[in-house]
Amino acid sequence: MTIVFPSNASLSERTNGLNERTIRRCIGHLVDAGLIHRRDSATRKRFPLRYGGLIRDAFGFDLQPMFERERELTEHAEQLVDDQEKLRSLKAEALALRVEALRQAKDEETVSFLQKVRNILRRATLKAEEIIELIKKLAELTGVEIKEFPAGNHDAHALMPDEMSGDDGQNVRHVEPTRLNIKKDAIGAHTSSDYRERGDPTTMAWEDLKNVSEFFPNEPRDHQSVVRILADVGKLLRIGQDKILKHLREHGPGRLLLALDEMLLRTSTGHVRNTNAYLDAMMRQGM
């Protein structure tokens, strides 16, 4: 039998208190999409039909359409994940080019344009085509050569000039022990100190990580999701994955997330040249 019969109250409990009005609206969307069929009783209540003490039928939701479209739904979900990965990669390229452009900027008009670029990259509705256009403009602005975008593939890799000057010692000067203060800078990036004491990201409000959450708005629900976001932020900042894993093992996800959140701000304002050395310095100083 593919019919289920949970009450709205039961569904609310299973969804951590989602209100019943929202539940009814979501059920309506599933019905309209043809993913479930309603089988209503005269009173619109959901309950099993028992014969000889056994459940033989029920009034509720028939999930058979969903099972029949399992392959289609799986492929669609995988495509969405792939699209999100492409967007993150493109944003990483654009962010890196923007940092280079900030280092080269010599007039207010260019700085103003780069501030707008930063705000555009934070838009949740940003499409791959828009990011590609930004990458082309930034590459032209910085004189950086980029590979052509393959047909049907929005991934590209900017051939960034190797100007990562300075070693660990030269980059330590950028790291200040009182760095995490409550403020919002002139171009909309955020830092915060009220969550610094809460080192476990599974117990702190995700939106407190202002810079990370703007790139990754979906709050992680488990340790694996947190680790995946750490890896993605590392790619965004061009930090080696081995270094991310090293600091994850030594310091835990909480402190590492806080450090990367601050680094997203500082790289966007052109204050960080060598992100790998900068992260090492931050973790050595204990945030």
Protein backbone atom coordinates (compact mmCIF):
# COMPACT_ATOMS: atom_id res chain seq x y z
CA MET A 1 0.00 0.00 0.00
CA THR A 2 1.36 3.41 -0.95
CA ILE A 3 -1.19 5.53 0.95
CA VAL A 4 -0.07 7.36 4.10
CA PHE A 5 -2.42 9.03 6.56
CA PRO A 6 -0.61 11.39 8.99
CA SER A 7 -2.61 14.22 10.52
CA ASN A 8 -1.51 17.82 10.07
CA ALA A 9 -0.60 17.87 13.78
CA SER A 10 1.64 14.85 13.25
CA LEU A 11 3.25 16.45 10.20
CA SER A 12 3.84 19.62 12.20
CA GLU A 13 5.60 17.64 14.92
CA ARG A 14 7.78 15.83 12.37
CA THR A 15 8.79 19.13 10.75
CA ASN A 16 9.90 20.77 14.00
CA GLY A 17 6.75 22.80 14.56
CA LEU A 18 5.93 23.97 11.03
CA ASN A 19 2.51 25.63 11.24
CA GLU A 20 -0.45 23.76 9.76
CA ARG A 21 -1.30 26.53 7.30
CA THR A 22 2.13 26.16 5.72
CA ILE A 23 1.76 22.37 5.73
CA ARG A 24 -1.55 22.61 3.86
CA ARG A 25 0.02 24.93 1.31
CA CYS A 26 2.96 22.55 0.78
CA ILE A 27 0.59 19.60 0.36
CA GLY A 28 -1.30 21.62 -2.24
CA HIS A 29 1.93 22.25 -4.15
CA LEU A 30 2.74 18.52 -4.14
CA VAL A 31 -0.75 17.70 -5.43
CA ASP A 32 -0.54 20.37 -8.13
CA ALA A 33 2.85 19.01 -9.21
CA GLY A 34 1.36 15.54 -9.55
CA LEU A 35 3.72 14.05 -6.97
CA ILE A 36 0.96 12.83 -4.66
CA HIS A 37 -2.76 12.10 -4.99
CA ARG A 38 -5.30 12.91 -2.33
CA ARG A 39 -7.75 10.25 -1.25
CA ASP A 40 -10.14 12.11 1.02
CA SER A 41 -12.77 10.77 3.36
CA ALA A 42 -16.17 12.47 3.62
CA THR A 43 -14.83 14.53 6.54
CA ARG A 44 -11.43 15.08 4.87
CA LYS A 45 -9.84 13.24 7.79
CA ARG A 46 -6.99 10.80 7.19
CA PHE A 47 -7.21 7.36 8.74
CA PRO A 48 -6.63 3.68 7.93
CA LEU A 49 -9.33 1.23 6.86
CA ARG A 50 -9.03 -2.02 8.78
CA TYR A 51 -10.44 -5.36 7.74
CA GLY A 52 -9.96 -8.35 9.97
CA GLY A 53 -7.64 -6.32 12.17
CA LEU A 54 -5.32 -5.51 9.27
CA ILE A 55 -4.91 -2.21 7.43
CA ARG A 56 -6.08 -2.89 3.89
CA ASP A 57 -6.64 0.66 2.66
CA ALA A 58 -6.66 4.25 3.91
CA PHE A 59 -7.82 7.79 3.36
CA GLY A 60 -4.81 10.08 3.00
CA PHE A 61 -2.07 10.71 0.45
CA ASP A 62 -1.16 8.25 -2.26
CA LEU A 63 2.60 8.38 -2.86
CA GLN A 64 2.53 6.13 -5.93
CA PRO A 65 3.09 9.02 -8.41
CA MET A 66 6.25 9.96 -6.53
CA PHE A 67 7.58 6.40 -6.67
CA GLU A 68 6.84 6.24 -10.40
CA ARG A 69 8.84 9.42 -10.98
CA GLU A 70 11.72 8.47 -8.69
CA ARG A 71 14.33 8.46 -11.46
CA GLU A 72 13.17 11.80 -12.84
CA LEU A 73 13.20 13.39 -9.38
CA THR A 74 16.63 11.98 -8.58
CA GLU A 75 18.09 13.31 -11.83
CA HIS A 76 16.50 16.71 -11.20
CA ALA A 77 17.94 16.84 -7.67
CA GLU A 78 21.40 15.90 -8.96
CA GLN A 79 21.15 18.62 -11.61
CA LEU A 80 20.27 21.20 -8.96
CA VAL A 81 23.28 20.16 -6.89
CA ASP A 82 25.50 20.39 -9.98
CA ASP A 83 24.13 23.84 -10.83
CA GLN A 84 24.83 25.07 -7.30
CA GLU A 85 28.38 23.73 -7.50
CA LYS A 86 28.91 25.59 -10.78
CA LEU A 87 27.58 28.79 -9.26
CA ARG A 88 29.94 28.47 -6.30
CA SER A 89 32.90 27.86 -8.62
CA LEU A 90 32.01 30.86 -10.77
CA LYS A 91 31.56 33.05 -7.69
CA ALA A 92 34.98 31.94 -6.46
CA GLU A 93 36.55 32.98 -9.77
CA ALA A 94 34.75 36.32 -9.72
CA LEU A 95 35.71 36.97 -6.09
CA ALA A 96 39.37 36.20 -6.76
CA LEU A 97 39.39 38.52 -9.79
CA ARG A 98 37.68 41.22 -7.76
CA VAL A 99 40.39 41.04 -5.09
CA GLU A 100 43.04 41.44 -7.80
CA ALA A 101 41.11 44.38 -9.26
CA LEU A 102 40.98 46.05 -5.84
CA ARG A 103 44.75 45.78 -5.55
CA GLN A 104 45.12 47.47 -8.93
CA ALA A 105 42.37 50.07 -8.49
CA LYS A 106 43.61 53.64 -8.71
CA ASP A 107 40.41 55.67 -9.03
CA GLU A 108 37.09 56.01 -7.22
CA GLU A 109 35.08 54.94 -10.27
CA THR A 110 36.78 51.55 -10.34
CA VAL A 111 36.39 51.09 -6.58
CA SER A 112 32.70 51.98 -6.85
CA PHE A 113 32.24 49.42 -9.63
CA LEU A 114 33.96 46.74 -7.56
CA GLN A 115 31.69 47.51 -4.61
CA LYS A 116 28.70 46.92 -6.88
CA VAL A 117 30.25 43.65 -8.06
CA ARG A 118 30.49 42.46 -4.48
CA ASN A 119 26.82 43.22 -3.85
CA ILE A 120 25.82 41.49 -7.09
CA LEU A 121 27.74 38.34 -6.11
CA ARG A 122 25.72 38.15 -2.89
CA ARG A 123 22.36 38.03 -4.67
CA ALA A 124 20.53 34.76 -4.06
CA THR A 125 18.91 34.88 -7.52
CA LEU A 126 22.19 35.32 -9.41
CA LYS A 127 22.45 33.20 -12.56
CA ALA A 128 25.56 31.59 -14.05
CA GLU A 129 25.34 33.75 -17.18
CA GLU A 130 25.44 36.92 -15.07
CA ILE A 131 28.53 35.75 -13.19
CA ILE A 132 30.27 34.87 -16.45
CA GLU A 133 29.70 38.42 -17.70
CA LEU A 134 31.14 39.79 -14.45
CA ILE A 135 34.17 37.52 -14.80
CA LYS A 136 34.79 38.81 -18.32
CA LYS A 137 34.57 42.44 -17.17
CA LEU A 138 36.84 41.80 -14.19
CA ALA A 139 39.35 39.92 -16.33
CA GLU A 140 39.45 42.83 -18.78
CA LEU A 141 39.85 45.27 -15.89
CA THR A 142 42.77 43.36 -14.37
CA GLY A 143 44.43 42.22 -17.56
CA VAL A 144 44.03 38.60 -16.51
CA GLU A 145 43.67 35.95 -19.20
CA ILE A 146 40.83 33.48 -18.75
CA LYS A 147 40.14 30.25 -20.53
CA GLU A 148 37.12 30.16 -22.81
CA PHE A 149 33.92 28.83 -21.37
CA PRO A 150 33.23 25.45 -23.05
CA ALA A 151 29.91 25.11 -24.87
CA GLY A 152 27.26 24.06 -22.42
CA ASN A 153 29.66 24.33 -19.50
CA HIS A 154 29.73 27.45 -17.39
CA ASP A 155 32.88 26.51 -15.49
CA ALA A 156 35.98 28.53 -16.20
CA HIS A 157 39.28 29.07 -14.54
CA ALA A 158 41.00 32.42 -14.42
CA LEU A 159 44.74 32.29 -14.92
CA MET A 160 45.56 34.51 -11.97
CA PRO A 161 49.01 36.12 -11.86
CA ASP A 162 51.19 34.64 -9.15
CA GLU A 163 51.49 37.69 -6.94
CA MET A 164 51.08 36.00 -3.57
CA SER A 165 53.94 37.95 -2.04
CA GLY A 166 55.05 37.58 1.52
CA ASP A 167 55.41 34.67 3.90
CA ASP A 168 53.60 33.85 7.11
CA GLY A 169 55.46 36.52 9.03
CA GLN A 170 54.64 39.23 6.54
CA ASN A 171 50.96 38.40 6.64
CA VAL A 172 50.64 38.20 10.43
CA ARG A 173 50.45 41.99 10.62
CA HIS A 174 46.97 41.82 9.10
CA VAL A 175 45.69 39.64 11.95
CA GLU A 176 44.46 41.59 14.95
CA PRO A 177 43.34 39.90 18.18
CA THR A 178 40.30 42.21 18.50
CA ARG A 179 39.39 41.83 14.87
CA LEU A 180 35.86 40.41 15.38
CA ASN A 181 33.87 43.52 16.25
CA ILE A 182 30.22 44.30 15.67
CA LYS A 183 30.25 46.53 12.61
CA LYS A 184 29.29 46.77 8.99
CA ASP A 185 31.84 48.19 6.61
CA ALA A 186 31.25 50.64 3.81
CA ILE A 187 30.47 48.00 1.22
CA GLY A 188 28.14 45.85 3.24
CA ALA A 189 30.36 43.10 4.69
CA HIS A 190 29.93 42.04 8.30
CA THR A 191 31.92 41.04 11.33
CA SER A 192 30.60 40.05 14.72
CA SER A 193 32.01 39.29 18.17
CA ASP A 194 28.87 38.14 20.01
CA TYR A 195 29.14 34.66 18.52
CA ARG A 196 32.89 34.24 18.84
CA GLU A 197 32.51 32.49 22.18
CA ARG A 198 30.16 29.89 20.69
CA GLY A 199 32.63 27.67 18.88
CA ASP A 200 30.17 24.98 17.82
CA PRO A 201 28.33 25.97 14.60
CA THR A 202 25.62 23.39 15.31
CA THR A 203 24.52 25.37 18.39
CA MET A 204 24.92 28.93 17.08
CA ALA A 205 22.65 30.88 14.78
CA TRP A 206 23.81 30.34 11.20
CA GLU A 207 22.95 33.91 10.24
CA ASP A 208 25.54 35.11 12.79
CA LEU A 209 28.15 34.03 10.26
CA LYS A 210 27.23 37.03 8.12
CA ASN A 211 29.70 36.53 5.30
CA VAL A 212 29.56 32.72 5.06
CA SER A 213 25.76 32.62 5.25
CA GLU A 214 25.40 35.13 2.42
CA PHE A 215 27.31 32.78 0.11
CA PHE A 216 25.76 29.64 1.65
CA PRO A 217 22.29 30.63 2.92
CA ASN A 218 21.10 27.08 3.61
CA GLU A 219 21.92 26.24 7.21
CA PRO A 220 23.82 22.94 7.60
CA ARG A 221 21.85 20.30 9.48
CA ASP A 222 24.64 17.92 10.46
CA HIS A 223 28.41 17.61 10.81
CA GLN A 224 28.83 16.35 7.26
CA SER A 225 27.06 19.43 5.88
CA VAL A 226 29.31 21.70 7.94
CA VAL A 227 32.43 19.96 6.62
CA ARG A 228 31.15 20.29 3.05
CA ILE A 229 30.62 24.04 3.50
CA LEU A 230 34.09 24.40 5.02
CA ALA A 231 35.53 22.77 1.91
CA ASP A 232 33.50 25.03 -0.38
CA VAL A 233 34.51 28.20 1.49
CA GLY A 234 38.11 27.03 1.25
CA LYS A 235 37.75 26.75 -2.53
CA LEU A 236 36.13 30.19 -2.61
CA LEU A 237 39.16 31.65 -0.80
CA ARG A 238 41.65 29.51 -2.75
CA ILE A 239 42.84 27.77 0.39
CA GLY A 240 44.27 24.28 -0.07
CA GLN A 241 41.92 21.51 0.99
CA ASP A 242 44.70 19.82 2.95
CA LYS A 243 45.05 22.99 5.02
CA ILE A 244 41.30 23.15 5.65
CA LEU A 245 41.34 19.53 6.85
CA LYS A 246 44.40 20.16 9.04
CA HIS A 247 42.77 23.07 10.88
CA LEU A 248 39.47 21.18 11.08
CA ARG A 249 41.22 18.32 12.89
CA GLU A 250 43.24 20.59 15.16
CA HIS A 251 40.69 23.28 16.02
CA GLY A 252 37.25 21.93 15.16
CA PRO A 253 34.61 23.29 12.75
CA GLY A 254 33.47 26.18 14.96
CA ARG A 255 36.72 28.12 15.13
CA LEU A 256 37.50 27.35 11.51
CA LEU A 257 34.13 28.66 10.33
CA LEU A 258 34.59 31.86 12.32
CA ALA A 259 38.04 32.38 10.82
CA LEU A 260 36.83 31.76 7.27
CA ASP A 261 33.87 34.09 7.85
CA GLU A 262 36.28 36.87 8.75
CA MET A 263 38.53 36.04 5.81
CA LEU A 264 35.63 36.38 3.36
CA LEU A 265 35.30 39.96 4.55
CA ARG A 266 39.00 40.76 4.42
CA THR A 267 39.64 39.22 1.01
CA SER A 268 36.68 41.13 -0.41
CA THR A 269 38.29 44.40 0.71
CA GLY A 270 41.71 43.46 -0.65
CA HIS A 271 43.41 43.05 2.75
CA VAL A 272 44.63 39.49 2.20
CA ARG A 273 47.22 38.44 -0.36
CA ASN A 274 48.18 34.93 0.74
CA THR A 275 45.03 33.27 2.05
CA ASN A 276 46.80 30.06 3.09
CA ALA A 277 49.36 31.89 5.24
CA TYR A 278 46.69 34.24 6.57
CA LEU A 279 44.53 31.36 7.80
CA ASP A 280 47.54 29.76 9.51
CA ALA A 281 48.26 33.04 11.30
CA MET A 282 44.66 33.45 12.44
CA MET A 283 44.48 29.93 13.84
CA ARG A 284 47.86 30.31 15.60
CA GLN A 285 46.65 33.44 17.35
CA GLY A 286 43.52 31.66 18.52
CA MET A 287 41.10 33.99 16.75
